PDB file of N, CA and C in Angstrom:
ATOM      1  N   UNK A   1    -107.449 113.710 158.197  1.00  0.00           N
ATOM      2  CA  UNK A   1    -106.373 113.402 159.118  1.00  0.00           C
ATOM      3  C   UNK A   1    -106.527 114.233 160.380  1.00  0.00           C
ATOM      4  N   UNK A   2    -106.247 113.608 161.492  1.00  0.00           N
ATOM      5  CA  UNK A   2    -106.340 114.402 162.706  1.00  0.00           C
ATOM      6  C   UNK A   2    -105.061 115.208 162.901  1.00  0.00           C
ATOM      7  N   UNK A   3    -105.090 116.071 163.890  1.00  0.00           N
ATOM      8  CA  UNK A   3    -103.987 117.019 164.050  1.00  0.00           C
ATOM      9  C   UNK A   3    -102.695 116.360 164.516  1.00  0.00           C
ATOM     10  N   UNK A   4    -102.773 115.176 165.118  1.00  0.00           N
ATOM     11  CA  UNK A   4    -101.561 114.528 165.600  1.00  0.00           C
ATOM     12  C   UNK A   4    -100.800 113.811 164.489  1.00  0.00           C
ATOM     13  N   UNK A   5    -101.494 113.262 163.528  1.00  0.00           N
ATOM     14  CA  UNK A   5    -100.784 112.574 162.452  1.00  0.00           C
ATOM     15  C   UNK A   5    -100.115 113.561 161.502  1.00  0.00           C
ATOM     16  N   UNK A   6    -100.593 114.791 161.463  1.00  0.00           N
ATOM     17  CA  UNK A   6     -99.933 115.788 160.622  1.00  0.00           C
ATOM     18  C   UNK A   6     -98.552 116.132 161.151  1.00  0.00           C
ATOM     19  N   UNK A   7     -98.381 116.094 162.459  1.00  0.00           N
ATOM     20  CA  UNK A   7     -97.107 116.456 163.080  1.00  0.00           C
ATOM     21  C   UNK A   7     -96.236 115.251 163.403  1.00  0.00           C
ATOM     22  N   UNK A   8     -96.704 114.039 163.138  1.00  0.00           N
ATOM     23  CA  UNK A   8     -95.965 112.835 163.502  1.00  0.00           C
ATOM     24  C   UNK A   8     -94.645 112.717 162.736  1.00  0.00           C
ATOM     25  N   UNK A   9     -94.625 113.115 161.483  1.00  0.00           N
ATOM     26  CA  UNK A   9     -93.398 113.053 160.705  1.00  0.00           C
ATOM     27  C   UNK A   9     -92.312 113.944 161.272  1.00  0.00           C
ATOM     28  N   UNK A  10     -92.687 115.159 161.615  1.00  0.00           N
ATOM     29  CA  UNK A  10     -91.709 116.074 162.206  1.00  0.00           C
ATOM     30  C   UNK A  10     -91.260 115.593 163.581  1.00  0.00           C
ATOM     31  N   UNK A  11     -92.159 114.970 164.328  1.00  0.00           N
ATOM     32  CA  UNK A  11     -91.796 114.437 165.641  1.00  0.00           C
ATOM     33  C   UNK A  11     -90.795 113.291 165.506  1.00  0.00           C
ATOM     34  N   UNK A  12     -90.969 112.445 164.497  1.00  0.00           N
ATOM     35  CA  UNK A  12     -90.016 111.354 164.274  1.00  0.00           C
ATOM     36  C   UNK A  12     -88.645 111.889 163.869  1.00  0.00           C
ATOM     37  N   UNK A  13     -88.624 112.920 163.038  1.00  0.00           N
ATOM     38  CA  UNK A  13     -87.348 113.534 162.648  1.00  0.00           C
ATOM     39  C   UNK A  13     -86.662 114.125 163.862  1.00  0.00           C
ATOM     40  N   UNK A  14     -87.421 114.840 164.682  1.00  0.00           N
ATOM     41  CA  UNK A  14     -86.858 115.437 165.889  1.00  0.00           C
ATOM     42  C   UNK A  14     -86.333 114.367 166.838  1.00  0.00           C
ATOM     43  N   UNK A  15     -87.071 113.267 167.004  1.00  0.00           N
ATOM     44  CA  UNK A  15     -86.629 112.188 167.887  1.00  0.00           C
ATOM     45  C   UNK A  15     -85.342 111.546 167.373  1.00  0.00           C
ATOM     46  N   UNK A  16     -85.243 111.360 166.065  1.00  0.00           N
ATOM     47  CA  UNK A  16     -84.027 110.787 165.493  1.00  0.00           C
ATOM     48  C   UNK A  16     -82.820 111.683 165.668  1.00  0.00           C
ATOM     49  N   UNK A  17     -82.992 112.965 165.424  1.00  0.00           N
ATOM     50  CA  UNK A  17     -81.885 113.910 165.595  1.00  0.00           C
ATOM     51  C   UNK A  17     -81.492 114.002 167.063  1.00  0.00           C
ATOM     52  N   UNK A  18     -82.478 114.011 167.947  1.00  0.00           N
ATOM     53  CA  UNK A  18     -82.191 114.051 169.380  1.00  0.00           C
ATOM     54  C   UNK A  18     -81.432 112.799 169.815  1.00  0.00           C
ATOM     55  N   UNK A  19     -81.784 111.657 169.264  1.00  0.00           N
ATOM     56  CA  UNK A  19     -81.067 110.429 169.570  1.00  0.00           C
ATOM     57  C   UNK A  19     -79.629 110.490 169.069  1.00  0.00           C
ATOM     58  N   UNK A  20     -79.398 111.077 167.877  1.00  0.00           N
ATOM     59  CA  UNK A  20     -78.039 111.276 167.383  1.00  0.00           C
ATOM     60  C   UNK A  20     -77.233 112.135 168.355  1.00  0.00           C
ATOM     61  N   UNK A  21     -77.820 113.231 168.814  1.00  0.00           N
ATOM     62  CA  UNK A  21     -77.112 114.156 169.703  1.00  0.00           C
ATOM     63  C   UNK A  21     -76.815 113.493 171.045  1.00  0.00           C
ATOM     64  N   UNK A  22     -77.791 112.815 171.615  1.00  0.00           N
ATOM     65  CA  UNK A  22     -77.590 112.148 172.904  1.00  0.00           C
ATOM     66  C   UNK A  22     -76.518 111.069 172.792  1.00  0.00           C
ATOM     67  N   UNK A  23     -76.569 110.315 171.733  1.00  0.00           N
ATOM     68  CA  UNK A  23     -75.575 109.264 171.533  1.00  0.00           C
ATOM     69  C   UNK A  23     -74.185 109.839 171.382  1.00  0.00           C
ATOM     70  N   UNK A  24     -74.059 110.918 170.641  1.00  0.00           N
ATOM     71  CA  UNK A  24     -72.748 111.503 170.400  1.00  0.00           C
ATOM     72  C   UNK A  24     -72.182 112.166 171.653  1.00  0.00           C
ATOM     73  N   UNK A  25     -73.049 112.756 172.476  1.00  0.00           N
ATOM     74  CA  UNK A  25     -72.545 113.468 173.649  1.00  0.00           C
ATOM     75  C   UNK A  25     -72.217 112.529 174.812  1.00  0.00           C
ATOM     76  N   UNK A  26     -72.954 111.429 174.961  1.00  0.00           N
ATOM     77  CA  UNK A  26     -72.720 110.544 176.095  1.00  0.00           C
ATOM     78  C   UNK A  26     -71.880 109.318 175.748  1.00  0.00           C
ATOM     79  N   UNK A  27     -71.950 108.861 174.534  1.00  0.00           N
ATOM     80  CA  UNK A  27     -71.186 107.680 174.127  1.00  0.00           C
ATOM     81  C   UNK A  27     -70.628 107.905 172.724  1.00  0.00           C
ATOM     82  N   UNK A  28     -69.497 108.612 172.615  1.00  0.00           N
ATOM     83  CA  UNK A  28     -68.981 108.953 171.282  1.00  0.00           C
ATOM     84  C   UNK A  28     -68.419 107.767 170.502  1.00  0.00           C
ATOM     85  N   UNK A  29     -68.259 106.619 171.134  1.00  0.00           N
ATOM     86  CA  UNK A  29     -67.770 105.468 170.377  1.00  0.00           C
ATOM     87  C   UNK A  29     -68.888 104.929 169.490  1.00  0.00           C
ATOM     88  N   UNK A  30     -68.513 104.186 168.484  1.00  0.00           N
ATOM     89  CA  UNK A  30     -69.481 103.696 167.506  1.00  0.00           C
ATOM     90  C   UNK A  30     -70.393 102.628 168.123  1.00  0.00           C
ATOM     91  N   UNK A  31     -71.679 102.852 168.027  1.00  0.00           N
ATOM     92  CA  UNK A  31     -72.683 101.883 168.448  1.00  0.00           C
ATOM     93  C   UNK A  31     -73.682 101.794 167.303  1.00  0.00           C
ATOM     94  N   UNK A  32     -73.577 100.741 166.536  1.00  0.00           N
ATOM     95  CA  UNK A  32     -74.348 100.642 165.303  1.00  0.00           C
ATOM     96  C   UNK A  32     -75.842 100.542 165.531  1.00  0.00           C
ATOM     97  N   UNK A  33     -76.257  99.952 166.635  1.00  0.00           N
ATOM     98  CA  UNK A  33     -77.688  99.813 166.895  1.00  0.00           C
ATOM     99  C   UNK A  33     -78.318 101.185 167.129  1.00  0.00           C
ATOM    100  N   UNK A  34     -77.683 102.012 167.939  1.00  0.00           N
ATOM    101  CA  UNK A  34     -78.218 103.358 168.208  1.00  0.00           C
ATOM    102  C   UNK A  34     -78.223 104.199 166.931  1.00  0.00           C
ATOM    103  N   UNK A  35     -77.166 104.110 166.160  1.00  0.00           N
ATOM    104  CA  UNK A  35     -77.105 104.875 164.909  1.00  0.00           C
ATOM    105  C   UNK A  35     -78.164 104.403 163.920  1.00  0.00           C
ATOM    106  N   UNK A  36     -78.377 103.101 163.857  1.00  0.00           N
ATOM    107  CA  UNK A  36     -79.387 102.563 162.946  1.00  0.00           C
ATOM    108  C   UNK A  36     -80.793 102.979 163.341  1.00  0.00           C
ATOM    109  N   UNK A  37     -81.088 102.950 164.636  1.00  0.00           N
ATOM    110  CA  UNK A  37     -82.409 103.361 165.112  1.00  0.00           C
ATOM    111  C   UNK A  37     -82.638 104.843 164.820  1.00  0.00           C
ATOM    112  N   UNK A  38     -81.639 105.677 165.099  1.00  0.00           N
ATOM    113  CA  UNK A  38     -81.773 107.103 164.831  1.00  0.00           C
ATOM    114  C   UNK A  38     -81.949 107.369 163.338  1.00  0.00           C
ATOM    115  N   UNK A  39     -81.196 106.667 162.519  1.00  0.00           N
ATOM    116  CA  UNK A  39     -81.308 106.824 161.067  1.00  0.00           C
ATOM    117  C   UNK A  39     -82.695 106.418 160.574  1.00  0.00           C
ATOM    118  N   UNK A  40     -83.195 105.292 161.069  1.00  0.00           N
ATOM    119  CA  UNK A  40     -84.526 104.835 160.656  1.00  0.00           C
ATOM    120  C   UNK A  40     -85.621 105.795 161.110  1.00  0.00           C
ATOM    121  N   UNK A  41     -85.463 106.384 162.286  1.00  0.00           N
ATOM    122  CA  UNK A  41     -86.436 107.377 162.747  1.00  0.00           C
ATOM    123  C   UNK A  41     -86.458 108.593 161.829  1.00  0.00           C
ATOM    124  N   UNK A  42     -85.285 109.054 161.446  1.00  0.00           N
ATOM    125  CA  UNK A  42     -85.208 110.226 160.573  1.00  0.00           C
ATOM    126  C   UNK A  42     -85.790 109.909 159.196  1.00  0.00           C
ATOM    127  N   UNK A  43     -85.438 108.769 158.630  1.00  0.00           N
ATOM    128  CA  UNK A  43     -85.949 108.395 157.306  1.00  0.00           C
ATOM    129  C   UNK A  43     -87.465 108.201 157.345  1.00  0.00           C
ATOM    130  N   UNK A  44     -87.962 107.528 158.378  1.00  0.00           N
ATOM    131  CA  UNK A  44     -89.412 107.328 158.508  1.00  0.00           C
ATOM    132  C   UNK A  44     -90.127 108.661 158.705  1.00  0.00           C
ATOM    133  N   UNK A  45     -89.523 109.565 159.459  1.00  0.00           N
ATOM    134  CA  UNK A  45     -90.121 110.878 159.660  1.00  0.00           C
ATOM    135  C   UNK A  45     -90.185 111.691 158.380  1.00  0.00           C
ATOM    136  N   UNK A  46     -89.121 111.637 157.586  1.00  0.00           N
ATOM    137  CA  UNK A  46     -89.117 112.352 156.311  1.00  0.00           C
ATOM    138  C   UNK A  46     -90.179 111.776 155.376  1.00  0.00           C
ATOM    139  N   UNK A  47     -90.244 110.455 155.315  1.00  0.00           N
ATOM    140  CA  UNK A  47     -91.239 109.811 154.446  1.00  0.00           C
ATOM    141  C   UNK A  47     -92.657 110.151 154.891  1.00  0.00           C
ATOM    142  N   UNK A  48     -92.902 110.084 156.185  1.00  0.00           N
ATOM    143  CA  UNK A  48     -94.239 110.384 156.692  1.00  0.00           C
ATOM    144  C   UNK A  48     -94.604 111.846 156.453  1.00  0.00           C
ATOM    145  N   UNK A  49     -93.647 112.742 156.620  1.00  0.00           N
ATOM    146  CA  UNK A  49     -93.910 114.162 156.395  1.00  0.00           C
ATOM    147  C   UNK A  49     -94.222 114.438 154.930  1.00  0.00           C
ATOM    148  N   UNK A  50     -93.465 113.834 154.029  1.00  0.00           N
ATOM    149  CA  UNK A  50     -93.700 114.032 152.594  1.00  0.00           C
ATOM    150  C   UNK A  50     -95.055 113.473 152.190  1.00  0.00           C
ATOM    151  N   UNK A  51     -95.394 112.296 152.679  1.00  0.00           N
ATOM    152  CA  UNK A  51     -96.695 111.692 152.350  1.00  0.00           C
ATOM    153  C   UNK A  51     -97.829 112.547 152.881  1.00  0.00           C
ATOM    154  N   UNK A  52     -97.683 113.045 154.107  1.00  0.00           N
ATOM    155  CA  UNK A  52     -98.718 113.892 154.701  1.00  0.00           C
ATOM    156  C   UNK A  52     -98.878 115.188 153.923  1.00  0.00           C
ATOM    157  N   UNK A  53     -97.771 115.808 153.546  1.00  0.00           N
ATOM    158  CA  UNK A  53     -97.846 117.058 152.787  1.00  0.00           C
ATOM    159  C   UNK A  53     -98.458 116.814 151.404  1.00  0.00           C
ATOM    160  N   UNK A  54     -98.131 115.673 150.800  1.00  0.00           N
ATOM    161  CA  UNK A  54     -98.672 115.358 149.485  1.00  0.00           C
ATOM    162  C   UNK A  54    -100.181 115.101 149.550  1.00  0.00           C
ATOM    163  N   UNK A  55    -100.639 114.437 150.587  1.00  0.00           N
ATOM    164  CA  UNK A  55    -102.068 114.165 150.739  1.00  0.00           C
ATOM    165  C   UNK A  55    -102.869 115.417 151.088  1.00  0.00           C
ATOM    166  N   UNK A  56    -102.255 116.375 151.755  1.00  0.00           N
ATOM    167  CA  UNK A  56    -102.949 117.592 152.151  1.00  0.00           C
ATOM    168  C   UNK A  56    -102.989 118.649 151.056  1.00  0.00           C
ATOM    169  N   UNK A  57    -102.176 118.497 150.003  1.00  0.00           N
ATOM    170  CA  UNK A  57    -102.129 119.522 148.966  1.00  0.00           C
ATOM    171  C   UNK A  57    -103.352 119.424 148.057  1.00  0.00           C
ATOM    172  N   UNK A  58    -103.639 120.504 147.371  1.00  0.00           N
ATOM    173  CA  UNK A  58    -104.804 120.561 146.476  1.00  0.00           C
ATOM    174  C   UNK A  58    -104.521 119.934 145.129  1.00  0.00           C
ATOM    175  N   UNK A  59    -103.246 119.837 144.753  1.00  0.00           N
ATOM    176  CA  UNK A  59    -102.917 119.417 143.403  1.00  0.00           C
ATOM    177  C   UNK A  59    -102.549 117.986 143.336  1.00  0.00           C
TER     178      UNK A  59
END
C-alpha cells in the first residue's frame, strides 16, 4: 500500500466531522442530505481505517 491510502481512512473521518461542525455552525436547522453525507464519510473512513490496519498487521 502506498502512503496515501494508509491515511485515507483518517482523512475521511476528519472530513465527515468537519462537515458536521460546518453544518452545525452555519446552518443549525436540520438538513438530512448534509447529515447523511457526513455520516457516510465517517462510516466509510472508519471502515477503511480498520481494513487498512488489519491488512498491515502481522497476525
